[in-house]
């Protein structure tokens, strides 16, 4: 089993920056990718970004390209989401997710991820 612990959420003004962290523990040997989803009130949970654990390949939702950067520290089993130029529409609960090794992987499909964190609130408001 894999456990994911998120941190770094909070309140920030429009145009500001914030960095989220997700630390993985447990049976992490066959993890293929780790990433982030977000869910605003009354909306579906949506894909934000993902990074492959060994190769460092990254994929982003169109809405965050050029503003968000995902990275990982393999030694610490931790992924980060650096968020810049934040907008009010970025306000949501952000969830860390991890996908086990598989032959077919769609980065934006919730059911292709096997483990989830508890979520951390990000609020962008003046």
N, C-alpha and C. Protein backbone atom coordinates (compact mmCIF):
# COMPACT_ATOMS: atom_id res chain seq x y z
N UNK A 1 0.84 -1.18 0.00
CA UNK A 1 0.00 0.00 0.00
C UNK A 1 0.88 1.25 0.00
N UNK A 2 0.37 2.32 -0.62
CA UNK A 2 1.08 3.59 -0.71
C UNK A 2 0.26 4.65 0.00
N UNK A 3 0.95 5.46 0.79
CA UNK A 3 0.32 6.59 1.45
C UNK A 3 0.88 7.89 0.89
N UNK A 4 0.01 8.87 0.66
CA UNK A 4 0.40 10.17 0.13
C UNK A 4 -0.01 11.25 1.11
N UNK A 5 0.94 12.11 1.46
CA UNK A 5 0.68 13.19 2.40
C UNK A 5 1.00 14.51 1.72
N UNK A 6 0.00 15.38 1.61
CA UNK A 6 0.13 16.66 0.94
C UNK A 6 0.33 17.79 1.94
N UNK A 7 0.99 18.85 1.48
CA UNK A 7 1.16 20.05 2.29
C UNK A 7 1.40 21.24 1.37
N UNK A 8 1.26 22.44 1.91
CA UNK A 8 1.60 23.65 1.18
C UNK A 8 0.43 24.50 0.74
N UNK A 9 -0.80 24.04 0.93
CA UNK A 9 -1.95 24.82 0.54
C UNK A 9 -2.13 26.04 1.43
N UNK A 10 -2.94 26.99 0.94
CA UNK A 10 -3.19 28.19 1.71
C UNK A 10 -3.85 29.27 0.88
N UNK A 11 -3.84 30.48 1.43
CA UNK A 11 -4.43 31.64 0.79
C UNK A 11 -3.35 32.48 0.13
N UNK A 12 -3.58 32.88 -1.13
CA UNK A 12 -2.61 33.69 -1.86
C UNK A 12 -3.37 34.69 -2.74
N UNK A 13 -2.77 35.86 -2.99
CA UNK A 13 -3.38 36.87 -3.83
C UNK A 13 -3.21 36.54 -5.31
N UNK A 14 -4.12 37.02 -6.17
CA UNK A 14 -3.94 36.83 -7.62
C UNK A 14 -2.57 37.32 -8.07
N UNK A 15 -1.93 36.55 -8.94
CA UNK A 15 -0.59 36.86 -9.41
C UNK A 15 0.51 36.30 -8.54
N UNK A 16 0.16 35.78 -7.39
CA UNK A 16 1.13 35.24 -6.47
C UNK A 16 1.55 33.82 -6.79
N UNK A 17 2.37 33.25 -5.92
CA UNK A 17 2.92 31.91 -6.13
C UNK A 17 2.72 31.06 -4.88
N UNK A 18 2.71 29.75 -5.09
CA UNK A 18 2.56 28.78 -4.02
C UNK A 18 3.17 27.47 -4.47
N UNK A 19 3.78 26.73 -3.53
CA UNK A 19 4.33 25.42 -3.86
C UNK A 19 3.70 24.34 -3.01
N UNK A 20 3.14 23.33 -3.67
CA UNK A 20 2.56 22.19 -2.99
C UNK A 20 3.56 21.04 -2.97
N UNK A 21 3.51 20.23 -1.91
CA UNK A 21 4.38 19.07 -1.78
C UNK A 21 3.53 17.83 -1.52
N UNK A 22 4.01 16.68 -2.01
CA UNK A 22 3.36 15.40 -1.76
C UNK A 22 4.43 14.36 -1.49
N UNK A 23 4.45 13.83 -0.28
CA UNK A 23 5.41 12.82 0.12
C UNK A 23 4.77 11.44 0.09
N UNK A 24 5.42 10.50 -0.58
CA UNK A 24 4.92 9.13 -0.70
C UNK A 24 5.68 8.20 0.24
N UNK A 25 4.97 7.24 0.81
CA UNK A 25 5.58 6.23 1.66
C UNK A 25 4.88 4.90 1.47
N UNK A 26 5.50 3.82 1.95
CA UNK A 26 4.95 2.49 1.80
C UNK A 26 5.58 1.75 0.64
N UNK A 27 4.78 0.95 -0.06
CA UNK A 27 5.25 0.13 -1.18
C UNK A 27 5.28 0.94 -2.46
N UNK A 28 6.31 1.78 -2.59
CA UNK A 28 6.39 2.72 -3.71
C UNK A 28 7.22 2.21 -4.88
N UNK A 29 7.64 0.94 -4.83
CA UNK A 29 8.60 0.41 -5.80
C UNK A 29 8.09 0.43 -7.24
N UNK A 30 6.81 0.18 -7.45
CA UNK A 30 6.27 0.09 -8.81
C UNK A 30 5.46 1.31 -9.22
N UNK A 31 5.67 2.44 -8.57
CA UNK A 31 4.98 3.66 -8.95
C UNK A 31 5.52 4.16 -10.29
N UNK A 32 4.62 4.42 -11.24
CA UNK A 32 5.01 4.88 -12.56
C UNK A 32 4.98 6.41 -12.66
N UNK A 33 3.92 7.01 -12.16
CA UNK A 33 3.80 8.45 -12.22
C UNK A 33 3.07 9.01 -11.02
N UNK A 34 3.38 10.25 -10.70
CA UNK A 34 2.70 10.97 -9.63
C UNK A 34 2.28 12.33 -10.15
N UNK A 35 1.10 12.76 -9.74
CA UNK A 35 0.60 14.03 -10.24
C UNK A 35 -0.43 14.66 -9.36
N UNK A 36 -1.10 15.67 -9.94
CA UNK A 36 -2.06 16.48 -9.21
C UNK A 36 -3.36 16.63 -9.97
N UNK A 37 -4.46 16.51 -9.23
CA UNK A 37 -5.80 16.85 -9.70
C UNK A 37 -6.34 17.96 -8.80
N UNK A 38 -7.39 18.64 -9.26
CA UNK A 38 -8.02 19.65 -8.43
C UNK A 38 -9.53 19.62 -8.62
N UNK A 39 -10.25 20.07 -7.59
CA UNK A 39 -11.70 20.08 -7.63
C UNK A 39 -12.22 21.33 -6.96
N UNK A 40 -12.91 22.16 -7.74
CA UNK A 40 -13.56 23.35 -7.23
C UNK A 40 -14.99 23.01 -6.81
N UNK A 41 -15.60 23.81 -5.92
CA UNK A 41 -16.97 23.54 -5.49
C UNK A 41 -17.94 23.44 -6.67
N UNK A 42 -18.73 22.37 -6.70
CA UNK A 42 -19.72 22.18 -7.74
C UNK A 42 -19.17 21.72 -9.08
N UNK A 43 -17.88 21.43 -9.16
CA UNK A 43 -17.27 21.02 -10.41
C UNK A 43 -16.64 19.63 -10.28
N UNK A 44 -16.40 18.99 -11.42
CA UNK A 44 -15.76 17.69 -11.44
C UNK A 44 -14.27 17.82 -11.13
N UNK A 45 -13.71 16.76 -10.58
CA UNK A 45 -12.27 16.73 -10.35
C UNK A 45 -11.55 16.69 -11.70
N UNK A 46 -10.54 17.56 -11.88
CA UNK A 46 -9.87 17.67 -13.16
C UNK A 46 -8.36 17.49 -13.04
N UNK A 47 -7.78 16.98 -14.11
CA UNK A 47 -6.34 16.77 -14.19
C UNK A 47 -5.59 18.09 -14.24
N UNK A 48 -4.46 18.16 -13.54
CA UNK A 48 -3.62 19.36 -13.53
C UNK A 48 -2.25 19.08 -14.15
N UNK A 49 -1.51 18.13 -13.58
CA UNK A 49 -0.16 17.84 -14.06
C UNK A 49 0.29 16.48 -13.54
N UNK A 50 1.24 15.85 -14.25
CA UNK A 50 1.79 14.57 -13.82
C UNK A 50 3.25 14.48 -14.26
N UNK A 51 4.05 13.71 -13.53
CA UNK A 51 5.43 13.47 -13.88
C UNK A 51 5.73 11.98 -13.72
N UNK A 52 6.45 11.39 -14.68
CA UNK A 52 6.85 9.99 -14.54
C UNK A 52 8.01 9.90 -13.57
N UNK A 53 8.01 8.85 -12.75
CA UNK A 53 8.95 8.77 -11.65
C UNK A 53 10.39 8.57 -12.11
N UNK A 54 10.61 7.69 -13.08
CA UNK A 54 11.97 7.39 -13.52
C UNK A 54 12.49 8.34 -14.59
N UNK A 55 11.66 8.67 -15.57
CA UNK A 55 12.11 9.49 -16.68
C UNK A 55 11.92 10.98 -16.53
N UNK A 56 11.06 11.40 -15.62
CA UNK A 56 10.81 12.81 -15.42
C UNK A 56 10.00 13.47 -16.52
N UNK A 57 9.28 12.69 -17.31
CA UNK A 57 8.43 13.24 -18.36
C UNK A 57 7.23 13.93 -17.73
N UNK A 58 6.89 15.12 -18.23
CA UNK A 58 5.81 15.90 -17.64
C UNK A 58 4.69 16.15 -18.63
N UNK A 59 3.47 16.25 -18.10
CA UNK A 59 2.29 16.56 -18.88
C UNK A 59 1.44 17.53 -18.07
N UNK A 60 0.85 18.53 -18.76
CA UNK A 60 0.08 19.57 -18.09
C UNK A 60 -1.26 19.77 -18.76
N UNK A 61 -2.25 20.14 -17.96
CA UNK A 61 -3.51 20.62 -18.52
C UNK A 61 -3.28 21.95 -19.21
N UNK A 62 -4.04 22.21 -20.28
CA UNK A 62 -3.88 23.46 -21.02
C UNK A 62 -4.07 24.69 -20.14
N UNK A 63 -4.93 24.59 -19.14
CA UNK A 63 -5.25 25.73 -18.30
C UNK A 63 -4.10 26.19 -17.41
N UNK A 64 -3.09 25.33 -17.22
CA UNK A 64 -1.99 25.68 -16.33
C UNK A 64 -0.64 25.73 -17.03
N UNK A 65 -0.57 25.42 -18.30
CA UNK A 65 0.69 25.44 -19.03
C UNK A 65 1.32 26.82 -19.00
N UNK A 66 2.62 26.86 -18.71
CA UNK A 66 3.34 28.12 -18.62
C UNK A 66 3.27 28.77 -17.26
N UNK A 67 2.39 28.29 -16.38
CA UNK A 67 2.25 28.87 -15.05
C UNK A 67 2.63 27.89 -13.94
N UNK A 68 2.33 26.60 -14.13
CA UNK A 68 2.62 25.58 -13.13
C UNK A 68 3.80 24.72 -13.59
N UNK A 69 4.60 24.26 -12.64
CA UNK A 69 5.71 23.36 -12.92
C UNK A 69 5.69 22.21 -11.93
N UNK A 70 5.67 20.97 -12.44
CA UNK A 70 5.73 19.80 -11.59
C UNK A 70 7.15 19.25 -11.60
N UNK A 71 7.63 18.80 -10.45
CA UNK A 71 8.97 18.24 -10.34
C UNK A 71 8.97 17.14 -9.28
N UNK A 72 10.07 16.39 -9.20
CA UNK A 72 10.15 15.33 -8.20
C UNK A 72 11.55 15.22 -7.63
N UNK A 73 11.61 14.71 -6.41
CA UNK A 73 12.86 14.39 -5.73
C UNK A 73 12.78 12.90 -5.41
N UNK A 74 13.43 12.07 -6.23
CA UNK A 74 13.34 10.63 -6.07
C UNK A 74 13.88 10.15 -4.73
N UNK A 75 14.96 10.79 -4.25
CA UNK A 75 15.56 10.38 -2.99
C UNK A 75 14.61 10.59 -1.81
N UNK A 76 13.77 11.61 -1.90
CA UNK A 76 12.84 11.92 -0.82
C UNK A 76 11.43 11.41 -1.10
N UNK A 77 11.23 10.73 -2.24
CA UNK A 77 9.91 10.21 -2.62
C UNK A 77 8.85 11.31 -2.57
N UNK A 78 9.20 12.46 -3.12
CA UNK A 78 8.34 13.63 -3.02
C UNK A 78 8.16 14.28 -4.39
N UNK A 79 6.94 14.72 -4.68
CA UNK A 79 6.67 15.52 -5.87
C UNK A 79 6.21 16.90 -5.44
N UNK A 80 6.47 17.88 -6.29
CA UNK A 80 6.13 19.26 -6.01
C UNK A 80 5.32 19.84 -7.15
N UNK A 81 4.48 20.81 -6.82
CA UNK A 81 3.78 21.59 -7.82
C UNK A 81 4.02 23.06 -7.52
N UNK A 82 4.88 23.69 -8.33
CA UNK A 82 5.15 25.11 -8.20
C UNK A 82 4.13 25.87 -9.02
N UNK A 83 3.32 26.68 -8.36
CA UNK A 83 2.25 27.41 -9.01
C UNK A 83 2.58 28.90 -9.00
N UNK A 84 2.59 29.51 -10.19
CA UNK A 84 2.89 30.92 -10.34
C UNK A 84 1.78 31.61 -11.12
N UNK A 85 1.76 32.94 -11.07
CA UNK A 85 0.74 33.73 -11.77
C UNK A 85 -0.66 33.20 -11.48
N UNK A 86 -0.93 32.97 -10.22
CA UNK A 86 -2.18 32.34 -9.82
C UNK A 86 -3.38 33.23 -10.10
N UNK A 87 -4.48 32.59 -10.49
CA UNK A 87 -5.73 33.26 -10.81
C UNK A 87 -6.83 32.78 -9.87
N UNK A 88 -7.88 33.59 -9.68
CA UNK A 88 -9.00 33.13 -8.84
C UNK A 88 -9.57 31.79 -9.29
N UNK A 89 -9.58 31.51 -10.59
CA UNK A 89 -10.11 30.25 -11.08
C UNK A 89 -9.24 29.04 -10.74
N UNK A 90 -8.05 29.28 -10.18
CA UNK A 90 -7.23 28.18 -9.68
C UNK A 90 -7.67 27.71 -8.30
N UNK A 91 -8.59 28.43 -7.67
CA UNK A 91 -9.07 28.06 -6.35
C UNK A 91 -9.74 26.69 -6.39
N UNK A 92 -9.26 25.77 -5.55
CA UNK A 92 -9.78 24.41 -5.54
C UNK A 92 -9.09 23.63 -4.43
N UNK A 93 -9.61 22.44 -4.16
CA UNK A 93 -8.89 21.47 -3.35
C UNK A 93 -7.98 20.70 -4.30
N UNK A 94 -6.70 20.67 -4.00
CA UNK A 94 -5.72 19.98 -4.83
C UNK A 94 -5.37 18.63 -4.23
N UNK A 95 -5.46 17.58 -5.05
CA UNK A 95 -5.21 16.21 -4.62
C UNK A 95 -3.97 15.64 -5.30
N UNK A 96 -3.10 15.05 -4.51
CA UNK A 96 -1.97 14.30 -5.04
C UNK A 96 -2.44 12.89 -5.40
N UNK A 97 -1.94 12.35 -6.50
CA UNK A 97 -2.31 11.01 -6.94
C UNK A 97 -1.10 10.27 -7.50
N UNK A 98 -1.08 8.95 -7.32
CA UNK A 98 0.00 8.10 -7.82
C UNK A 98 -0.57 6.95 -8.63
N UNK A 99 0.09 6.62 -9.74
CA UNK A 99 -0.33 5.54 -10.62
C UNK A 99 0.70 4.42 -10.60
N UNK A 100 0.24 3.19 -10.44
CA UNK A 100 1.12 2.02 -10.48
C UNK A 100 1.57 1.75 -11.90
N UNK A 101 2.66 1.02 -12.03
CA UNK A 101 3.20 0.65 -13.34
C UNK A 101 2.17 -0.10 -14.16
N UNK A 102 1.99 0.31 -15.42
CA UNK A 102 1.06 -0.34 -16.32
C UNK A 102 1.49 -0.12 -17.76
N UNK A 103 0.95 -0.93 -18.67
CA UNK A 103 1.31 -0.81 -20.08
C UNK A 103 0.57 0.33 -20.77
N UNK A 104 -0.65 0.60 -20.32
CA UNK A 104 -1.46 1.67 -20.88
C UNK A 104 -1.76 2.69 -19.79
N UNK A 105 -1.46 3.97 -20.05
CA UNK A 105 -1.64 5.01 -19.05
C UNK A 105 -2.12 6.29 -19.70
N UNK A 106 -3.30 6.75 -19.31
CA UNK A 106 -3.84 8.03 -19.71
C UNK A 106 -3.74 8.97 -18.52
N UNK A 107 -2.99 10.06 -18.68
CA UNK A 107 -2.66 10.92 -17.54
C UNK A 107 -3.88 11.62 -16.96
N UNK A 108 -4.93 11.81 -17.75
CA UNK A 108 -6.08 12.59 -17.32
C UNK A 108 -7.24 11.75 -16.79
N UNK A 109 -7.09 10.43 -16.72
CA UNK A 109 -8.16 9.55 -16.27
C UNK A 109 -8.01 9.23 -14.79
N UNK A 110 -9.00 9.59 -13.99
CA UNK A 110 -8.94 9.37 -12.55
C UNK A 110 -8.75 7.91 -12.19
N UNK A 111 -9.43 7.00 -12.92
CA UNK A 111 -9.38 5.59 -12.56
C UNK A 111 -8.06 4.92 -12.95
N UNK A 112 -7.16 5.63 -13.63
CA UNK A 112 -5.83 5.11 -13.91
C UNK A 112 -4.85 5.40 -12.77
N UNK A 113 -5.31 6.09 -11.75
CA UNK A 113 -4.51 6.36 -10.56
C UNK A 113 -4.96 5.46 -9.42
N UNK A 114 -4.01 4.94 -8.66
CA UNK A 114 -4.29 3.92 -7.65
C UNK A 114 -4.30 4.44 -6.22
N UNK A 115 -3.65 5.55 -5.98
CA UNK A 115 -3.54 6.10 -4.63
C UNK A 115 -3.79 7.60 -4.65
N UNK A 116 -4.41 8.08 -3.57
CA UNK A 116 -4.79 9.48 -3.47
C UNK A 116 -4.46 10.06 -2.10
N UNK A 117 -4.08 11.32 -2.09
CA UNK A 117 -3.89 12.04 -0.84
C UNK A 117 -5.20 12.60 -0.32
N UNK A 118 -5.13 13.28 0.81
CA UNK A 118 -6.33 13.79 1.47
C UNK A 118 -6.83 15.10 0.88
N UNK A 119 -6.00 15.78 0.12
CA UNK A 119 -6.36 17.06 -0.47
C UNK A 119 -5.90 18.23 0.37
N UNK A 120 -5.52 19.32 -0.29
CA UNK A 120 -5.12 20.54 0.38
C UNK A 120 -5.77 21.73 -0.32
N UNK A 121 -6.33 22.64 0.47
CA UNK A 121 -7.08 23.77 -0.08
C UNK A 121 -6.14 24.87 -0.57
N UNK A 122 -6.38 25.33 -1.81
CA UNK A 122 -5.70 26.48 -2.37
C UNK A 122 -6.75 27.53 -2.70
N UNK A 123 -6.61 28.71 -2.11
CA UNK A 123 -7.55 29.80 -2.34
C UNK A 123 -6.80 31.00 -2.89
N UNK A 124 -7.22 31.48 -4.07
CA UNK A 124 -6.61 32.64 -4.72
C UNK A 124 -7.63 33.76 -4.68
N UNK A 125 -7.38 34.77 -3.86
CA UNK A 125 -8.34 35.84 -3.66
C UNK A 125 -7.64 37.09 -3.15
N UNK A 126 -8.16 38.25 -3.57
CA UNK A 126 -7.68 39.52 -3.06
C UNK A 126 -8.52 39.97 -1.87
